[in-house]
C-alpha cells in the first residue's frame, strides 16, 4: 500500500509508503489496547471498504460489565486511532470476540 496524506507545501520530494505488514501491526496494537487483551492473542486482517481500509479483528476482550457495549465502543476507537496514526481512512472495523481475558490474581506463598 502506498500513498497516504500529502502535506501541502512540503519541501521534501517523494512519497511515504506504509506496508501492509506495518498497517496490520499498528491496527493489532491499537485493537489489543482497546480490547484490554494481549497483542499476541489479537489477529487483524485488512480489506477494502469502498476505498478505505476495512479491519477484521479477532481476539478476546477484558472482562467487564457490558461486553457488547465495550466491543462496539472499541471498534469506533480503533477506527479513529488507526486513521490518526497512519493517515489512512478506516471505513469499518469488525470485531469477533473469541474469549474473555481476566486479570490473574497472584498467589501468595
Protein backbone atom coordinates (compact mmCIF):
# COMPACT_ATOMS: atom_id res chain seq x y z
CA UNK A 1 0.00 0.00 0.00
CA UNK A 2 1.39 3.35 -0.96
CA UNK A 3 0.44 6.93 -0.73
CA UNK A 4 -1.09 8.48 2.32
CA UNK A 5 -1.71 12.09 3.16
CA UNK A 6 0.30 14.67 1.27
CA UNK A 7 1.47 17.67 3.24
CA UNK A 8 0.72 20.83 1.32
CA UNK A 9 3.79 22.96 0.71
CA UNK A 10 6.11 20.09 1.63
CA UNK A 11 9.67 20.87 0.57
CA UNK A 12 10.69 17.22 0.58
CA UNK A 13 10.05 15.45 -2.72
CA UNK A 14 8.95 11.85 -2.74
CA UNK A 15 6.28 9.78 -1.09
CA UNK A 16 5.68 7.79 2.04
CA UNK A 17 4.92 4.09 1.78
CA UNK A 18 3.32 2.14 4.61
CA UNK A 19 3.48 -1.59 4.06
CA UNK A 20 0.56 -3.90 4.67
CA UNK A 21 2.57 -5.52 7.44
CA UNK A 22 3.08 -2.19 9.19
CA UNK A 23 -0.61 -1.29 8.90
CA UNK A 24 -1.59 -4.69 10.28
CA UNK A 25 0.85 -4.40 13.20
CA UNK A 26 -0.40 -0.92 14.03
CA UNK A 27 -4.04 -1.99 13.92
CA UNK A 28 -3.29 -5.08 16.05
CA UNK A 29 -1.58 -2.97 18.73
CA UNK A 30 -4.44 -0.46 18.82
CA UNK A 31 -7.09 -3.20 18.91
CA UNK A 32 -5.31 -5.09 21.69
CA UNK A 33 -5.05 -1.93 23.76
CA UNK A 34 -8.73 -1.04 23.27
CA UNK A 35 -9.92 -4.59 23.96
CA UNK A 36 -7.67 -4.99 27.01
CA UNK A 37 -6.11 -8.13 25.54
CA UNK A 38 -2.52 -9.24 24.96
CA UNK A 39 -1.35 -8.31 21.47
CA UNK A 40 -0.24 -11.86 20.73
CA UNK A 41 -3.86 -13.06 21.09
CA UNK A 42 -5.35 -10.46 18.70
CA UNK A 43 -5.45 -11.02 14.94
CA UNK A 44 -6.15 -8.37 12.31
CA UNK A 45 -6.83 -8.74 8.60
CA UNK A 46 -7.00 -5.81 6.21
CA UNK A 47 -9.53 -5.41 3.45
CA UNK A 48 -11.18 -2.76 1.33
CA UNK A 49 -14.31 -0.81 2.23
CA UNK A 50 -15.14 1.45 -0.75
CA UNK A 51 -11.57 2.69 -1.00
CA UNK A 52 -10.97 2.87 2.75
CA UNK A 53 -9.43 0.24 4.99
CA UNK A 54 -11.64 -2.46 6.44
CA UNK A 55 -10.34 -4.12 9.60
CA UNK A 56 -11.33 -7.64 10.61
CA UNK A 57 -10.30 -8.03 14.26
CA UNK A 58 -10.41 -11.35 16.12
CA UNK A 59 -9.48 -11.73 19.77
CA UNK A 60 -10.55 -11.76 23.40
CA UNK A 61 -11.87 -8.82 25.42
CA UNK A 62 -11.21 -7.81 29.02
CA UNK A 63 -13.86 -8.91 31.49
CA UNK A 64 -16.35 -6.12 32.15
CA UNK A 65 -19.99 -5.38 32.86
CA UNK A 66 -21.12 -4.71 29.26
CA UNK A 67 -19.04 -6.76 26.81
CA UNK A 68 -21.08 -5.88 23.71
CA UNK A 69 -21.09 -2.16 24.50
CA UNK A 70 -17.36 -2.26 25.20
CA UNK A 71 -16.66 -4.07 21.93
CA UNK A 72 -18.82 -1.64 19.95
CA UNK A 73 -17.07 1.34 21.54
CA UNK A 74 -13.67 -0.32 20.95
CA UNK A 75 -14.44 -0.72 17.21
CA UNK A 76 -15.14 3.00 16.88
CA UNK A 77 -11.99 3.89 18.85
CA UNK A 78 -9.86 1.54 16.72
CA UNK A 79 -11.17 3.16 13.51
CA UNK A 80 -10.39 6.65 14.79
CA UNK A 81 -6.96 5.81 16.27
CA UNK A 82 -5.68 3.82 13.27
CA UNK A 83 -6.82 6.65 10.97
CA UNK A 84 -4.97 9.19 13.16
CA UNK A 85 -1.78 7.13 13.37
CA UNK A 86 -1.49 6.05 9.74
CA UNK A 87 -3.25 8.80 7.83
CA UNK A 88 -5.39 6.14 6.13
CA UNK A 89 -9.15 6.31 6.28
CA UNK A 90 -10.59 3.29 8.08
CA UNK A 91 -14.09 2.62 6.78
CA UNK A 92 -15.04 -0.28 9.03
CA UNK A 93 -13.79 -2.33 11.94
CA UNK A 94 -15.48 -5.66 12.57
CA UNK A 95 -14.63 -7.33 15.89
CA UNK A 96 -15.17 -11.04 16.52
CA UNK A 97 -14.78 -11.88 20.20
CA UNK A 98 -13.08 -15.21 20.91
CA UNK A 99 -12.94 -15.15 24.68
CA UNK A 100 -12.56 -13.16 27.86
CA UNK A 101 -9.32 -12.01 29.42
CA UNK A 102 -9.31 -11.95 33.19
CA UNK A 103 -6.68 -10.45 35.41
CA UNK A 104 -4.84 -13.24 37.13
CA UNK A 105 -4.55 -12.86 40.85
CA UNK A 106 -1.12 -13.85 42.04
CA UNK A 107 -0.96 -16.50 44.72
CA UNK A 108 0.72 -15.64 47.96
CA UNK A 109 3.07 -18.33 49.23
